[in-house]
């Protein structure tokens, strides 16, 4: 076995940077609804999520093995430069969607980056198409639907069981349940997403001849990946937390509990069978399902539509960026250096743009702007009208009164 070279070292550091962005990009998955309903203070929530992400990283390696040997063919001539290019594509897309406040999939950004870079540098024989369909695309379509349906049913059942009871009284119990379910989602996130970085680092070690093919991730890889995602989670992706907690629907404690429980069940089941699932899509689908499950609840479909568009673009967009990076990286040392410099420049520009309208733990719970009722929202309200309340007296504009 060979020693770790400088290039492999660069790939490992870049993979941990991606893991860090994955952490703050996906904090919203576990904690957005918990923060929005007031079950936990923002800083306490992200600290708890970070700790459980770290614990979850040690629970399984099935997803890591899917990444390191399932999607990309280790023996097809994949080199560390290719993995480096794939990671750069994933990081750039993660930062762009974070800037926009969109909960897109870090997992699919990683898959798209690796696939795009491999196709450019190695060719189609370097990618296992059947594994991509079975373990990436099908779960990507099915998981948010399943999670949404489960959250919808759980929300309906929850409100049926608590019918006739004071909502303020039951909210305390549901907030406590939210804390437990959020902890479960954080643990599940660690078992799924932290492993993806473990798989990438393991793939780099295999392609560099440091460890044998089909090896499990070494212990130091597991520890470093767990720490990186935990640190990113602790810093908090406040922009995406605001979108998922306030911008998609108005979540009440009972809905938050139902959404998080349904999402955690789907994520843990997928981790057990080795599906490299998008926790973002699962949790977003669960939040939408919970929003529709409450009588009178409204999902902001324009926000949901932007999210779905981002989901559809993630694989090809990250793949295109990574493919361009791979063309440069294949030129040798100067190409790798150029990709690194460009990646740092783009990341820096995105960070500077985010400072214009910062979102922090202090303003993350501010109400989302009101969205005009569209066709879908109007139809949903017709099926499940909001609870009756005092009728507001219409305000007559002076100009209208004069006419």
Protein backbone atom coordinates (compact mmCIF):
# COMPACT_ATOMS: atom_id res chain seq x y z
CA UNK A 1 0.00 0.00 0.00
CA UNK A 2 1.16 3.51 -0.79
CA UNK A 3 1.31 6.54 1.45
CA UNK A 4 -1.21 9.34 1.13
CA UNK A 5 0.02 11.71 -1.58
CA UNK A 6 -0.45 15.48 -1.67
CA UNK A 7 -3.27 15.15 -4.20
CA UNK A 8 -5.14 12.58 -2.09
CA UNK A 9 -4.65 14.85 0.89
CA UNK A 10 -6.24 17.72 -1.07
CA UNK A 11 -9.15 15.45 -2.00
CA UNK A 12 -9.66 14.47 1.65
CA UNK A 13 -9.65 18.10 2.80
CA UNK A 14 -12.08 19.05 0.00
CA UNK A 15 -14.36 16.16 0.96
CA UNK A 16 -14.42 17.39 4.56
CA UNK A 17 -15.24 20.91 3.32
CA UNK A 18 -18.17 19.42 1.41
CA UNK A 19 -19.18 17.57 4.58
CA UNK A 20 -19.10 20.88 6.46
CA UNK A 21 -21.35 22.55 3.85
CA UNK A 22 -23.63 19.50 4.00
CA UNK A 23 -23.97 20.09 7.75
CA UNK A 24 -25.07 23.71 7.63
CA UNK A 25 -27.07 23.14 4.44
CA UNK A 26 -29.11 20.34 6.02
CA UNK A 27 -29.52 21.60 9.61
CA UNK A 28 -33.01 22.67 8.59
CA UNK A 29 -34.00 19.05 7.96
CA UNK A 30 -33.98 18.25 11.65
CA UNK A 31 -34.52 21.58 13.34
CA UNK A 32 -36.55 23.95 11.13
CA UNK A 33 -39.96 22.95 12.48
CA UNK A 34 -38.66 22.61 16.05
CA UNK A 35 -37.32 26.17 15.93
CA UNK A 36 -40.35 27.63 14.12
CA UNK A 37 -42.82 26.29 16.74
CA UNK A 38 -40.66 27.43 19.65
CA UNK A 39 -39.98 23.92 20.96
CA UNK A 40 -36.27 24.78 21.19
CA UNK A 41 -34.26 27.97 21.02
CA UNK A 42 -32.28 28.22 17.74
CA UNK A 43 -28.80 27.86 19.28
CA UNK A 44 -29.86 24.97 21.54
CA UNK A 45 -31.49 23.22 18.60
CA UNK A 46 -28.44 23.31 16.34
CA UNK A 47 -26.14 22.24 19.20
CA UNK A 48 -28.30 19.18 19.90
CA UNK A 49 -28.49 18.37 16.19
CA UNK A 50 -24.70 18.63 15.83
CA UNK A 51 -24.06 16.23 18.71
CA UNK A 52 -26.51 13.64 17.36
CA UNK A 53 -25.13 13.97 13.82
CA UNK A 54 -21.75 12.99 15.25
CA UNK A 55 -23.22 10.00 17.07
CA UNK A 56 -25.14 8.89 13.98
CA UNK A 57 -21.95 8.81 11.91
CA UNK A 58 -20.77 5.79 13.91
CA UNK A 59 -23.92 3.68 13.61
CA UNK A 60 -23.56 2.25 10.08
CA UNK A 61 -21.38 2.16 6.95
CA UNK A 62 -23.89 0.80 4.43
CA UNK A 63 -24.41 4.13 2.65
CA UNK A 64 -20.65 4.76 2.61
CA UNK A 65 -20.14 1.48 0.76
CA UNK A 66 -22.81 2.47 -1.77
CA UNK A 67 -20.87 5.66 -2.53
CA UNK A 68 -17.37 4.15 -2.57
CA UNK A 69 -18.17 1.15 -4.72
CA UNK A 70 -21.77 1.23 -5.86
CA UNK A 71 -22.22 4.28 -8.09
CA UNK A 72 -18.69 4.79 -9.44
CA UNK A 73 -16.60 1.86 -10.72
CA UNK A 74 -13.41 1.83 -8.64
CA UNK A 75 -11.56 -0.15 -11.32
CA UNK A 76 -12.52 1.98 -14.34
CA UNK A 77 -9.58 4.35 -14.08
CA UNK A 78 -11.12 6.88 -11.69
CA UNK A 79 -8.30 9.00 -10.27
CA UNK A 80 -8.17 11.37 -7.29
CA UNK A 81 -8.36 14.35 -9.69
CA UNK A 82 -11.80 13.16 -10.80
CA UNK A 83 -13.07 12.93 -7.24
CA UNK A 84 -11.66 16.38 -6.49
CA UNK A 85 -13.51 17.86 -9.47
CA UNK A 86 -16.73 16.15 -8.41
CA UNK A 87 -16.46 17.58 -4.90
CA UNK A 88 -15.89 21.11 -6.23
CA UNK A 89 -19.07 20.85 -8.31
CA UNK A 90 -21.05 19.67 -5.27
CA UNK A 91 -19.70 22.42 -3.00
CA UNK A 92 -20.48 25.21 -5.50
CA UNK A 93 -24.07 24.00 -5.96
CA UNK A 94 -24.55 23.62 -2.19
CA UNK A 95 -23.44 27.21 -1.62
CA UNK A 96 -25.59 28.60 -4.44
CA UNK A 97 -28.76 26.94 -3.13
CA UNK A 98 -27.88 27.99 0.44
CA UNK A 99 -27.60 31.60 -0.75
CA UNK A 100 -31.07 31.28 -2.31
CA UNK A 101 -32.42 29.68 0.88
CA UNK A 102 -33.53 26.58 -1.02
CA UNK A 103 -33.40 23.19 0.73
CA UNK A 104 -31.92 21.31 -2.21
CA UNK A 105 -30.21 17.95 -1.83
CA UNK A 106 -26.56 17.90 -0.77
CA UNK A 107 -26.60 14.20 -1.55
CA UNK A 108 -27.66 14.70 -5.14
CA UNK A 109 -25.14 17.52 -5.52
CA UNK A 110 -22.46 15.02 -4.53
CA UNK A 111 -23.81 12.31 -6.83
CA UNK A 112 -24.10 14.75 -9.72
CA UNK A 113 -20.57 16.03 -9.17
CA UNK A 114 -19.05 12.54 -9.07
CA UNK A 115 -21.05 11.34 -12.07
CA UNK A 116 -20.29 14.43 -14.17
CA UNK A 117 -16.57 14.34 -13.44
CA UNK A 118 -16.38 10.59 -14.10
CA UNK A 119 -18.24 10.84 -17.41
CA UNK A 120 -15.84 13.55 -18.64
CA UNK A 121 -12.62 11.91 -17.44
CA UNK A 122 -13.37 8.19 -17.75
CA UNK A 123 -16.47 7.73 -19.87
CA UNK A 124 -19.78 5.99 -19.42
CA UNK A 125 -18.15 2.73 -18.36
CA UNK A 126 -16.96 4.41 -15.17
CA UNK A 127 -20.53 4.84 -13.90
CA UNK A 128 -22.89 2.08 -12.73
CA UNK A 129 -26.11 3.20 -14.38
CA UNK A 130 -28.27 0.52 -12.77
CA UNK A 131 -27.08 1.50 -9.30
CA UNK A 132 -27.84 5.17 -10.02
CA UNK A 133 -31.39 4.31 -11.07
CA UNK A 134 -32.09 1.88 -8.22
CA UNK A 135 -30.29 3.63 -5.35
CA UNK A 136 -30.47 7.30 -6.31
CA UNK A 137 -33.19 8.23 -8.82
CA UNK A 138 -36.01 5.93 -7.65
CA UNK A 139 -35.51 6.84 -3.96
CA UNK A 140 -35.33 10.53 -4.96
CA UNK A 141 -38.78 10.32 -6.53
CA UNK A 142 -40.39 7.99 -4.01
CA UNK A 143 -38.98 9.25 -0.70
CA UNK A 144 -40.60 12.72 -0.52
CA UNK A 145 -43.93 11.26 -1.66
CA UNK A 146 -43.80 8.50 0.96
CA UNK A 147 -42.68 10.91 3.69
CA UNK A 148 -45.33 13.45 2.68
CA UNK A 149 -48.09 10.84 2.73
CA UNK A 150 -46.93 9.54 6.11
CA UNK A 151 -46.80 13.06 7.58
CA UNK A 152 -50.23 13.90 6.12
CA UNK A 153 -51.79 10.77 7.65
CA UNK A 154 -50.01 11.31 10.98
CA UNK A 155 -51.17 14.93 11.11
CA UNK A 156 -54.78 13.99 10.37
CA UNK A 157 -54.66 11.27 13.04
CA UNK A 158 -53.05 13.59 15.57
CA UNK A 159 -55.73 16.24 15.20
CA UNK A 160 -58.48 13.62 15.28
CA UNK A 161 -57.17 12.17 18.55
CA UNK A 162 -56.90 15.60 20.16
CA UNK A 163 -60.28 16.82 18.89
CA UNK A 164 -62.16 18.83 21.49
CA UNK A 165 -59.09 19.58 23.59
CA UNK A 166 -57.56 23.00 24.04
CA UNK A 167 -54.81 23.48 21.42
CA UNK A 168 -52.62 25.52 23.77
CA UNK A 169 -52.77 22.72 26.31
CA UNK A 170 -51.84 19.95 23.87
CA UNK A 171 -49.12 22.08 22.25
CA UNK A 172 -46.84 21.59 25.28
CA UNK A 173 -46.88 17.84 24.84
CA UNK A 174 -46.33 18.06 21.11
CA UNK A 175 -43.37 20.40 21.60
CA UNK A 176 -41.80 17.81 23.89
CA UNK A 177 -42.50 15.19 21.22
CA UNK A 178 -40.93 17.47 18.63
CA UNK A 179 -37.69 17.57 20.59
CA UNK A 180 -37.58 13.77 20.65
CA UNK A 181 -38.48 13.43 16.96
CA UNK A 182 -35.97 16.14 15.97
CA UNK A 183 -33.30 14.24 17.85
CA UNK A 184 -34.24 11.13 15.87
CA UNK A 185 -34.00 13.03 12.57
CA UNK A 186 -30.56 14.38 13.55
CA UNK A 187 -29.39 10.88 14.41
CA UNK A 188 -30.77 9.58 11.12
CA UNK A 189 -29.07 12.42 9.24
CA UNK A 190 -25.73 11.37 10.71
CA UNK A 191 -26.24 7.76 9.70
CA UNK A 192 -27.02 8.79 6.11
CA UNK A 193 -25.29 12.03 5.13
CA UNK A 194 -22.04 11.77 7.09
CA UNK A 195 -21.50 8.40 5.45
CA UNK A 196 -21.53 9.95 1.99
CA UNK A 197 -18.34 11.85 2.75
CA UNK A 198 -16.87 8.71 4.30
CA UNK A 199 -17.62 6.93 1.03
CA UNK A 200 -15.95 9.66 -1.06
CA UNK A 201 -12.80 9.65 1.07
CA UNK A 202 -12.72 5.84 0.96
CA UNK A 203 -13.08 6.00 -2.83
CA UNK A 204 -10.14 8.43 -3.00
CA UNK A 205 -8.03 6.11 -0.82
CA UNK A 206 -8.90 3.14 -3.05
CA UNK A 207 -8.13 4.98 -6.30
CA UNK A 208 -4.83 6.14 -4.80
CA UNK A 209 -3.85 2.62 -3.79
CA UNK A 210 -3.86 3.44 -0.08
CA UNK A 211 -6.43 0.79 0.85
CA UNK A 212 -7.81 -2.26 -0.94
CA UNK A 213 -10.99 -2.07 -3.09
CA UNK A 214 -14.30 -2.69 -1.31
CA UNK A 215 -12.76 -1.76 2.06
CA UNK A 216 -14.85 -0.27 4.84
CA UNK A 217 -14.00 3.32 5.81
CA UNK A 218 -11.07 3.45 8.26
CA UNK A 219 -11.86 4.71 11.77
CA UNK A 220 -10.10 8.04 11.22
CA UNK A 221 -12.30 8.65 8.18
CA UNK A 222 -15.46 8.00 10.21
CA UNK A 223 -14.31 10.32 13.01
CA UNK A 224 -13.25 13.18 10.72
CA UNK A 225 -16.43 13.00 8.62
CA UNK A 226 -18.59 12.96 11.75
CA UNK A 227 -16.80 15.97 13.23
CA UNK A 228 -17.00 17.98 9.97
CA UNK A 229 -20.75 17.52 9.52
CA UNK A 230 -21.34 18.20 13.22
CA UNK A 231 -19.41 21.50 13.04
CA UNK A 232 -21.34 22.58 9.96
CA UNK A 233 -24.61 21.67 11.66
CA UNK A 234 -23.72 23.69 14.75
CA UNK A 235 -23.08 26.84 12.72
CA UNK A 236 -26.63 26.52 11.42
CA UNK A 237 -27.89 27.06 7.88
CA UNK A 238 -30.23 29.81 9.01
CA UNK A 239 -31.38 30.76 5.50
CA UNK A 240 -32.71 27.29 4.76
CA UNK A 241 -34.11 26.91 8.29
CA UNK A 242 -36.15 30.05 7.65
CA UNK A 243 -37.48 28.68 4.34
CA UNK A 244 -38.40 25.25 5.66
CA UNK A 245 -39.69 26.46 9.03
CA UNK A 246 -41.63 29.57 7.97
CA UNK A 247 -41.56 29.93 4.20
CA UNK A 248 -43.15 26.63 3.11
CA UNK A 249 -46.13 26.42 5.46
CA UNK A 250 -47.20 27.57 8.92
CA UNK A 251 -46.23 24.68 11.16
CA UNK A 252 -47.89 24.09 14.52
CA UNK A 253 -46.44 21.75 17.19
CA UNK A 254 -48.67 18.80 16.29
CA UNK A 255 -47.71 19.09 12.63
CA UNK A 256 -44.02 19.46 13.45
CA UNK A 257 -44.10 16.29 15.52
CA UNK A 258 -45.87 14.36 12.76
CA UNK A 259 -43.52 15.64 10.04
CA UNK A 260 -40.32 14.85 11.93
CA UNK A 261 -41.44 11.41 13.04
CA UNK A 262 -42.40 10.43 9.50
CA UNK A 263 -39.15 11.78 8.06
CA UNK A 264 -36.96 10.01 10.64
CA UNK A 265 -38.67 6.68 9.93
CA UNK A 266 -38.05 6.96 6.18
CA UNK A 267 -34.39 8.06 6.60
CA UNK A 268 -33.49 5.34 9.10
CA UNK A 269 -35.09 2.65 6.95
CA UNK A 270 -33.15 3.83 3.89
CA UNK A 271 -29.86 3.91 5.81
CA UNK A 272 -30.42 0.33 6.95
CA UNK A 273 -30.74 -0.96 3.37
CA UNK A 274 -27.99 1.27 1.95
CA UNK A 275 -30.08 3.79 -0.01
CA UNK A 276 -28.15 7.07 -0.24
CA UNK A 277 -31.31 9.06 0.34
CA UNK A 278 -31.72 12.83 0.24
CA UNK A 279 -32.70 13.79 3.78
CA UNK A 280 -33.59 17.24 2.43
CA UNK A 281 -36.22 15.88 0.08
CA UNK A 282 -37.62 13.56 2.74
CA UNK A 283 -37.97 16.32 5.34
CA UNK A 284 -39.34 18.84 2.83
CA UNK A 285 -41.92 16.31 1.65
CA UNK A 286 -42.88 15.61 5.25
CA UNK A 287 -43.34 19.32 6.00
CA UNK A 288 -45.59 19.73 2.94
CA UNK A 289 -47.59 16.67 3.95
CA UNK A 290 -48.03 18.03 7.46
CA UNK A 291 -49.08 21.39 6.03
CA UNK A 292 -51.82 19.77 3.99
CA UNK A 293 -52.85 17.47 6.84
CA UNK A 294 -54.14 20.22 9.12
CA UNK A 295 -57.63 21.50 8.35
CA UNK A 296 -57.19 25.01 7.02
CA UNK A 297 -53.45 24.54 6.57
CA UNK A 298 -51.88 26.18 3.51
CA UNK A 299 -48.74 25.18 1.66
CA UNK A 300 -46.99 28.04 -0.14
CA UNK A 301 -46.83 26.35 -3.50
CA UNK A 302 -44.64 28.95 -5.19
CA UNK A 303 -41.92 28.20 -2.63
CA UNK A 304 -42.53 24.46 -3.00
CA UNK A 305 -42.28 24.84 -6.78
CA UNK A 306 -38.91 26.59 -6.54
CA UNK A 307 -37.71 23.79 -4.29
CA UNK A 308 -38.78 21.08 -6.72
CA UNK A 309 -37.08 22.91 -9.59
CA UNK A 310 -33.89 23.04 -7.52
CA UNK A 311 -34.20 19.31 -6.82
CA UNK A 312 -34.52 18.55 -10.54
CA UNK A 313 -31.56 20.78 -11.43
CA UNK A 314 -29.21 19.56 -8.71
CA UNK A 315 -27.84 16.41 -10.39
CA UNK A 316 -27.25 17.94 -13.86
CA UNK A 317 -26.07 21.34 -12.56
CA UNK A 318 -23.52 19.88 -10.16
CA UNK A 319 -22.50 17.45 -12.90
CA UNK A 320 -21.89 20.27 -15.40
CA UNK A 321 -19.74 22.23 -12.94
CA UNK A 322 -17.83 19.09 -12.01
CA UNK A 323 -17.39 18.13 -15.67
CA UNK A 324 -15.80 21.49 -16.41
CA UNK A 325 -13.60 21.13 -13.34
CA UNK A 326 -12.57 17.65 -14.48
CA UNK A 327 -11.47 18.97 -17.88
CA UNK A 328 -9.11 21.36 -16.11
CA UNK A 329 -7.97 18.91 -13.45
CA UNK A 330 -7.03 16.35 -16.12
CA UNK A 331 -4.37 18.77 -17.42
CA UNK A 332 -2.11 18.06 -14.48
CA UNK A 333 -0.94 19.98 -11.44
CA UNK A 334 -1.67 23.42 -12.87
CA UNK A 335 -5.19 22.30 -13.75
CA UNK A 336 -5.88 21.06 -10.22
CA UNK A 337 -4.52 24.34 -8.82
CA UNK A 338 -6.73 26.34 -11.20
CA UNK A 339 -9.83 24.40 -10.13
CA UNK A 340 -8.95 25.02 -6.48
CA UNK A 341 -8.47 28.76 -7.02
CA UNK A 342 -11.70 29.09 -9.03
CA UNK A 343 -13.61 27.11 -6.43
CA UNK A 344 -12.34 29.35 -3.62
CA UNK A 345 -13.14 32.49 -5.64
CA UNK A 346 -16.72 31.41 -6.36
CA UNK A 347 -17.26 30.34 -2.74
CA UNK A 348 -15.93 33.67 -1.49
CA UNK A 349 -18.19 35.61 -3.86
CA UNK A 350 -21.24 33.66 -2.67
CA UNK A 351 -20.35 34.33 0.97
CA UNK A 352 -19.93 38.06 0.28
CA UNK A 353 -23.33 38.12 -1.44
CA UNK A 354 -24.93 36.45 1.59
CA UNK A 355 -23.75 39.31 3.84
CA UNK A 356 -26.04 41.79 2.07
CA UNK A 357 -29.14 40.31 3.73
CA UNK A 358 -27.86 38.12 6.55
CA UNK A 359 -30.10 35.55 8.23
CA UNK A 360 -28.98 34.58 11.75
CA UNK A 361 -30.37 32.85 14.82
CA UNK A 362 -31.73 36.26 15.88
CA UNK A 363 -34.09 36.71 12.90
CA UNK A 364 -34.61 33.15 11.65
CA UNK A 365 -38.08 32.90 13.23
CA UNK A 366 -39.44 36.07 11.66
CA UNK A 367 -42.71 35.40 9.78
CA UNK A 368 -42.41 34.64 6.09
CA UNK A 369 -43.85 37.19 3.66
CA UNK A 370 -47.47 36.54 2.76
CA UNK A 371 -48.00 34.73 -0.53
CA UNK A 372 -51.00 35.51 -2.74
CA UNK A 373 -53.43 32.62 -2.89
CA UNK A 374 -52.98 30.73 -6.13
CA UNK A 375 -55.06 28.05 -7.84
CA UNK A 376 -53.69 25.16 -5.76
CA UNK A 377 -54.02 27.00 -2.44
CA UNK A 378 -57.59 28.07 -3.25
CA UNK A 379 -58.52 24.49 -4.17
CA UNK A 380 -57.03 23.14 -0.93
CA UNK A 381 -58.93 25.70 1.13
CA UNK A 382 -62.14 24.73 -0.65
CA UNK A 383 -61.65 21.10 0.40
CA UNK A 384 -60.52 21.95 3.96
CA UNK A 385 -61.62 25.50 4.79
CA UNK A 386 -59.90 27.30 7.67
CA UNK A 387 -61.62 27.29 11.06
CA UNK A 388 -64.38 29.83 11.46
CA UNK A 389 -63.37 33.03 13.21
CA UNK A 390 -64.35 36.64 13.50
CA UNK A 391 -65.01 38.18 10.10
CA UNK A 392 -62.81 41.15 9.41
CA UNK A 393 -64.57 44.30 8.30
CA UNK A 394 -63.41 45.13 4.76
CA UNK A 395 -61.44 48.32 4.40
CA UNK A 396 -62.88 50.62 1.74
CA UNK A 397 -60.32 52.71 -0.08
CA UNK A 398 -61.20 56.43 -0.23
CA UNK A 399 -61.08 56.43 -4.03
CA UNK A 400 -63.49 53.49 -4.20
CA UNK A 401 -65.87 55.12 -1.73
CA UNK A 402 -65.91 58.33 -3.75
CA UNK A 403 -66.84 56.49 -6.88
